Amino acid sequence: MDTKLNDKSWQKEFLEMKFHSHADVKLLTQGVKGLIGAWRLGVLKQEYNRLKKTQEKIK
């Protein structure tokens, strides 16, 4: 299985999609530091997926 652990393309795109709290910006740019951060990043990824799907429907 080939995964790109340093691929942050979705994080950069998500930062431009909407306003984020300071804590979320830090998490998206600096990465996870613990279990709670990993959980929050997963939540943000799901939100990104929903927004991306909505944008694609509009186009």
PDB file of N, CA and C in Angstrom:
ATOM      1  N   MET A   1       0.840  -1.176   0.000  1.00  0.00           N
ATOM      2  CA  MET A   1       0.000   0.000   0.000  1.00  0.00           C
ATOM      3  C   MET A   1       0.885   1.238   0.000  1.00  0.00           C
ATOM      4  N   ASP A   2       0.685   2.086  -0.982  1.00  0.00           N
ATOM      5  CA  ASP A   2       1.493   3.292  -1.113  1.00  0.00           C
ATOM      6  C   ASP A   2       0.676   4.495  -0.653  1.00  0.00           C
ATOM      7  N   THR A   3       1.058   5.078   0.474  1.00  0.00           N
ATOM      8  CA  THR A   3       0.351   6.254   0.979  1.00  0.00           C
ATOM      9  C   THR A   3       1.324   7.415   1.063  1.00  0.00           C
ATOM     10  N   LYS A   4       0.777   8.612   0.906  1.00  0.00           N
ATOM     11  CA  LYS A   4       1.584   9.819   1.024  1.00  0.00           C
ATOM     12  C   LYS A   4       1.220  10.500   2.341  1.00  0.00           C
ATOM     13  N   LEU A   5       2.012  10.275   3.358  1.00  0.00           N
ATOM     14  CA  LEU A   5       1.714  10.845   4.666  1.00  0.00           C
ATOM     15  C   LEU A   5       1.906  12.359   4.691  1.00  0.00           C
ATOM     16  N   ASN A   6       2.742  12.887   3.823  1.00  0.00           N
ATOM     17  CA  ASN A   6       3.009  14.319   3.809  1.00  0.00           C
ATOM     18  C   ASN A   6       2.173  15.068   2.774  1.00  0.00           C
ATOM     19  N   ASP A   7       1.225  14.374   2.130  1.00  0.00           N
ATOM     20  CA  ASP A   7       0.376  15.020   1.131  1.00  0.00           C
ATOM     21  C   ASP A   7      -0.662  15.876   1.847  1.00  0.00           C
ATOM     22  N   LYS A   8      -0.500  17.191   1.783  1.00  0.00           N
ATOM     23  CA  LYS A   8      -1.406  18.097   2.473  1.00  0.00           C
ATOM     24  C   LYS A   8      -2.211  18.931   1.493  1.00  0.00           C
ATOM     25  N   SER A   9      -2.412  18.417   0.283  1.00  0.00           N
ATOM     26  CA  SER A   9      -3.117  19.194  -0.718  1.00  0.00           C
ATOM     27  C   SER A   9      -4.556  19.488  -0.305  1.00  0.00           C
ATOM     28  N   TRP A  10      -5.227  18.521   0.327  1.00  0.00           N
ATOM     29  CA  TRP A  10      -6.604  18.776   0.736  1.00  0.00           C
ATOM     30  C   TRP A  10      -6.649  19.806   1.859  1.00  0.00           C
ATOM     31  N   GLN A  11      -5.649  19.795   2.747  1.00  0.00           N
ATOM     32  CA  GLN A  11      -5.630  20.769   3.830  1.00  0.00           C
ATOM     33  C   GLN A  11      -5.475  22.188   3.285  1.00  0.00           C
ATOM     34  N   LYS A  12      -4.583  22.370   2.327  1.00  0.00           N
ATOM     35  CA  LYS A  12      -4.374  23.701   1.745  1.00  0.00           C
ATOM     36  C   LYS A  12      -5.638  24.177   1.039  1.00  0.00           C
ATOM     37  N   GLU A  13      -6.269  23.287   0.292  1.00  0.00           N
ATOM     38  CA  GLU A  13      -7.498  23.653  -0.409  1.00  0.00           C
ATOM     39  C   GLU A  13      -8.618  23.970   0.582  1.00  0.00           C
ATOM     40  N   PHE A  14      -8.715  23.188   1.652  1.00  0.00           N
ATOM     41  CA  PHE A  14      -9.755  23.393   2.653  1.00  0.00           C
ATOM     42  C   PHE A  14      -9.574  24.717   3.384  1.00  0.00           C
ATOM     43  N   LEU A  15      -8.337  25.127   3.616  1.00  0.00           N
ATOM     44  CA  LEU A  15      -8.085  26.418   4.268  1.00  0.00           C
ATOM     45  C   LEU A  15      -8.637  27.578   3.446  1.00  0.00           C
ATOM     46  N   GLU A  16      -8.667  27.432   2.137  1.00  0.00           N
ATOM     47  CA  GLU A  16      -9.158  28.492   1.257  1.00  0.00           C
ATOM     48  C   GLU A  16     -10.674  28.444   1.053  1.00  0.00           C
ATOM     49  N   MET A  17     -11.307  27.358   1.446  1.00  0.00           N
ATOM     50  CA  MET A  17     -12.744  27.176   1.198  1.00  0.00           C
ATOM     51  C   MET A  17     -13.624  27.969   2.161  1.00  0.00           C
ATOM     52  N   LYS A  18     -13.193  28.130   3.397  1.00  0.00           N
ATOM     53  CA  LYS A  18     -14.033  28.766   4.406  1.00  0.00           C
ATOM     54  C   LYS A  18     -13.175  29.306   5.537  1.00  0.00           C
ATOM     55  N   PHE A  19     -13.815  30.050   6.438  1.00  0.00           N
ATOM     56  CA  PHE A  19     -13.130  30.575   7.615  1.00  0.00           C
ATOM     57  C   PHE A  19     -12.939  29.442   8.624  1.00  0.00           C
ATOM     58  N   HIS A  20     -11.768  29.406   9.267  1.00  0.00           N
ATOM     59  CA  HIS A  20     -11.459  28.384  10.267  1.00  0.00           C
ATOM     60  C   HIS A  20     -10.988  29.040  11.554  1.00  0.00           C
ATOM     61  N   SER A  21     -11.212  28.347  12.653  1.00  0.00           N
ATOM     62  CA  SER A  21     -10.707  28.831  13.931  1.00  0.00           C
ATOM     63  C   SER A  21      -9.180  28.734  13.929  1.00  0.00           C
ATOM     64  N   HIS A  22      -8.561  29.460  14.842  1.00  0.00           N
ATOM     65  CA  HIS A  22      -7.099  29.446  14.950  1.00  0.00           C
ATOM     66  C   HIS A  22      -6.591  28.030  15.214  1.00  0.00           C
ATOM     67  N   ALA A  23      -7.292  27.297  16.074  1.00  0.00           N
ATOM     68  CA  ALA A  23      -6.881  25.926  16.409  1.00  0.00           C
ATOM     69  C   ALA A  23      -6.959  25.007  15.190  1.00  0.00           C
ATOM     70  N   ASP A  24      -8.000  25.175  14.373  1.00  0.00           N
ATOM     71  CA  ASP A  24      -8.132  24.349  13.170  1.00  0.00           C
ATOM     72  C   ASP A  24      -7.060  24.691  12.141  1.00  0.00           C
ATOM     73  N   VAL A  25      -6.752  25.968  11.998  1.00  0.00           N
ATOM     74  CA  VAL A  25      -5.690  26.371  11.070  1.00  0.00           C
ATOM     75  C   VAL A  25      -4.367  25.757  11.504  1.00  0.00           C
ATOM     76  N   LYS A  26      -4.086  25.819  12.782  1.00  0.00           N
ATOM     77  CA  LYS A  26      -2.842  25.239  13.313  1.00  0.00           C
ATOM     78  C   LYS A  26      -2.793  23.732  13.060  1.00  0.00           C
ATOM     79  N   LEU A  27      -3.904  23.062  13.279  1.00  0.00           N
ATOM     80  CA  LEU A  27      -3.977  21.620  13.055  1.00  0.00           C
ATOM     81  C   LEU A  27      -3.786  21.285  11.581  1.00  0.00           C
ATOM     82  N   LEU A  28      -4.409  22.045  10.700  1.00  0.00           N
ATOM     83  CA  LEU A  28      -4.309  21.781   9.266  1.00  0.00           C
ATOM     84  C   LEU A  28      -2.919  22.078   8.712  1.00  0.00           C
ATOM     85  N   THR A  29      -2.220  23.038   9.297  1.00  0.00           N
ATOM     86  CA  THR A  29      -0.901  23.403   8.776  1.00  0.00           C
ATOM     87  C   THR A  29       0.246  22.678   9.463  1.00  0.00           C
ATOM     88  N   GLN A  30       0.119  22.423  10.773  1.00  0.00           N
ATOM     89  CA  GLN A  30       1.226  21.825  11.511  1.00  0.00           C
ATOM     90  C   GLN A  30       1.071  20.334  11.756  1.00  0.00           C
ATOM     91  N   GLY A  31      -0.139  19.826  11.614  1.00  0.00           N
ATOM     92  CA  GLY A  31      -0.350  18.394  11.783  1.00  0.00           C
ATOM     93  C   GLY A  31      -0.814  18.008  13.171  1.00  0.00           C
ATOM     94  N   VAL A  32      -1.008  16.722  13.326  1.00  0.00           N
ATOM     95  CA  VAL A  32      -1.573  16.141  14.542  1.00  0.00           C
ATOM     96  C   VAL A  32      -0.494  15.941  15.602  1.00  0.00           C
ATOM     97  N   LYS A  33      -0.867  16.227  16.839  1.00  0.00           N
ATOM     98  CA  LYS A  33       0.064  16.032  17.946  1.00  0.00           C
ATOM     99  C   LYS A  33      -0.464  15.029  18.983  1.00  0.00           C
ATOM    100  N   GLY A  34      -1.683  14.559  18.808  1.00  0.00           N
ATOM    101  CA  GLY A  34      -2.247  13.613  19.773  1.00  0.00           C
ATOM    102  C   GLY A  34      -3.555  13.027  19.285  1.00  0.00           C
ATOM    103  N   LEU A  35      -4.195  12.262  20.134  1.00  0.00           N
ATOM    104  CA  LEU A  35      -5.425  11.568  19.787  1.00  0.00           C
ATOM    105  C   LEU A  35      -6.561  12.543  19.469  1.00  0.00           C
ATOM    106  N   ILE A  36      -6.719  13.567  20.272  1.00  0.00           N
ATOM    107  CA  ILE A  36      -7.790  14.534  20.037  1.00  0.00           C
ATOM    108  C   ILE A  36      -7.555  15.264  18.713  1.00  0.00           C
ATOM    109  N   GLY A  37      -6.317  15.601  18.411  1.00  0.00           N
ATOM    110  CA  GLY A  37      -5.994  16.236  17.141  1.00  0.00           C
ATOM    111  C   GLY A  37      -6.298  15.339  15.958  1.00  0.00           C
ATOM    112  N   ALA A  38      -6.028  14.055  16.104  1.00  0.00           N
ATOM    113  CA  ALA A  38      -6.322  13.096  15.040  1.00  0.00           C
ATOM    114  C   ALA A  38      -7.822  12.999  14.817  1.00  0.00           C
ATOM    115  N   TRP A  39      -8.573  12.980  15.905  1.00  0.00           N
ATOM    116  CA  TRP A  39     -10.027  12.937  15.799  1.00  0.00           C
ATOM    117  C   TRP A  39     -10.544  14.191  15.094  1.00  0.00           C
ATOM    118  N   ARG A  40     -10.052  15.352  15.510  1.00  0.00           N
ATOM    119  CA  ARG A  40     -10.509  16.623  14.916  1.00  0.00           C
ATOM    120  C   ARG A  40     -10.128  16.696  13.440  1.00  0.00           C
ATOM    121  N   LEU A  41      -8.939  16.232  13.089  1.00  0.00           N
ATOM    122  CA  LEU A  41      -8.522  16.242  11.688  1.00  0.00           C
ATOM    123  C   LEU A  41      -9.444  15.356  10.851  1.00  0.00           C
ATOM    124  N   GLY A  42      -9.866  14.239  11.396  1.00  0.00           N
ATOM    125  CA  GLY A  42     -10.825  13.377  10.707  1.00  0.00           C
ATOM    126  C   GLY A  42     -12.151  14.077  10.478  1.00  0.00           C
ATOM    127  N   VAL A  43     -12.611  14.822  11.482  1.00  0.00           N
ATOM    128  CA  VAL A  43     -13.847  15.596  11.350  1.00  0.00           C
ATOM    129  C   VAL A  43     -13.692  16.651  10.259  1.00  0.00           C
ATOM    130  N   LEU A  44     -12.552  17.334  10.241  1.00  0.00           N
ATOM    131  CA  LEU A  44     -12.300  18.355   9.224  1.00  0.00           C
ATOM    132  C   LEU A  44     -12.235  17.743   7.827  1.00  0.00           C
ATOM    133  N   LYS A  45     -11.660  16.567   7.710  1.00  0.00           N
ATOM    134  CA  LYS A  45     -11.581  15.878   6.418  1.00  0.00           C
ATOM    135  C   LYS A  45     -12.986  15.544   5.901  1.00  0.00           C
ATOM    136  N   GLN A  46     -13.867  15.088   6.794  1.00  0.00           N
ATOM    137  CA  GLN A  46     -15.239  14.791   6.392  1.00  0.00           C
ATOM    138  C   GLN A  46     -15.967  16.061   5.957  1.00  0.00           C
ATOM    139  N   GLU A  47     -15.741  17.158   6.662  1.00  0.00           N
ATOM    140  CA  GLU A  47     -16.351  18.434   6.290  1.00  0.00           C
ATOM    141  C   GLU A  47     -15.832  18.879   4.923  1.00  0.00           C
ATOM    142  N   TYR A  48     -14.528  18.710   4.699  1.00  0.00           N
ATOM    143  CA  TYR A  48     -13.939  19.035   3.404  1.00  0.00           C
ATOM    144  C   TYR A  48     -14.605  18.217   2.295  1.00  0.00           C
ATOM    145  N   ASN A  49     -14.770  16.923   2.523  1.00  0.00           N
ATOM    146  CA  ASN A  49     -15.384  16.053   1.519  1.00  0.00           C
ATOM    147  C   ASN A  49     -16.805  16.504   1.185  1.00  0.00           C
ATOM    148  N   ARG A  50     -17.579  16.902   2.211  1.00  0.00           N
ATOM    149  CA  ARG A  50     -18.948  17.377   1.971  1.00  0.00           C
ATOM    150  C   ARG A  50     -18.939  18.667   1.167  1.00  0.00           C
ATOM    151  N   LEU A  51     -18.072  19.617   1.534  1.00  0.00           N
ATOM    152  CA  LEU A  51     -17.998  20.881   0.801  1.00  0.00           C
ATOM    153  C   LEU A  51     -17.545  20.665  -0.640  1.00  0.00           C
ATOM    154  N   LYS A  52     -16.586  19.802  -0.832  1.00  0.00           N
ATOM    155  CA  LYS A  52     -16.069  19.511  -2.167  1.00  0.00           C
ATOM    156  C   LYS A  52     -17.166  18.900  -3.039  1.00  0.00           C
ATOM    157  N   LYS A  53     -17.925  17.977  -2.475  1.00  0.00           N
ATOM    158  CA  LYS A  53     -19.019  17.335  -3.210  1.00  0.00           C
ATOM    159  C   LYS A  53     -20.083  18.373  -3.584  1.00  0.00           C
ATOM    160  N   THR A  54     -20.400  19.279  -2.664  1.00  0.00           N
ATOM    161  CA  THR A  54     -21.372  20.331  -2.940  1.00  0.00           C
ATOM    162  C   THR A  54     -20.886  21.257  -4.036  1.00  0.00           C
ATOM    163  N   GLN A  55     -19.608  21.618  -4.010  1.00  0.00           N
ATOM    164  CA  GLN A  55     -19.046  22.493  -5.053  1.00  0.00           C
ATOM    165  C   GLN A  55     -19.084  21.826  -6.416  1.00  0.00           C
ATOM    166  N   GLU A  56     -18.830  20.525  -6.459  1.00  0.00           N
ATOM    167  CA  GLU A  56     -18.844  19.816  -7.733  1.00  0.00           C
ATOM    168  C   GLU A  56     -20.257  19.731  -8.298  1.00  0.00           C
ATOM    169  N   LYS A  57     -21.271  19.643  -7.434  1.00  0.00           N
ATOM    170  CA  LYS A  57     -22.662  19.619  -7.902  1.00  0.00           C
ATOM    171  C   LYS A  57     -23.057  20.946  -8.513  1.00  0.00           C
ATOM    172  N   ILE A  58     -22.530  22.034  -7.951  1.00  0.00           N
ATOM    173  CA  ILE A  58     -22.850  23.375  -8.423  1.00  0.00           C
ATOM    174  C   ILE A  58     -22.264  23.617  -9.820  1.00  0.00           C
ATOM    175  N   LYS A  59     -21.084  23.091 -10.061  1.00  0.00           N
ATOM    176  CA  LYS A  59     -20.405  23.303 -11.349  1.00  0.00           C
ATOM    177  C   LYS A  59     -21.066  22.524 -12.406  1.00  0.00           C
TER     178      LYS A  59
END
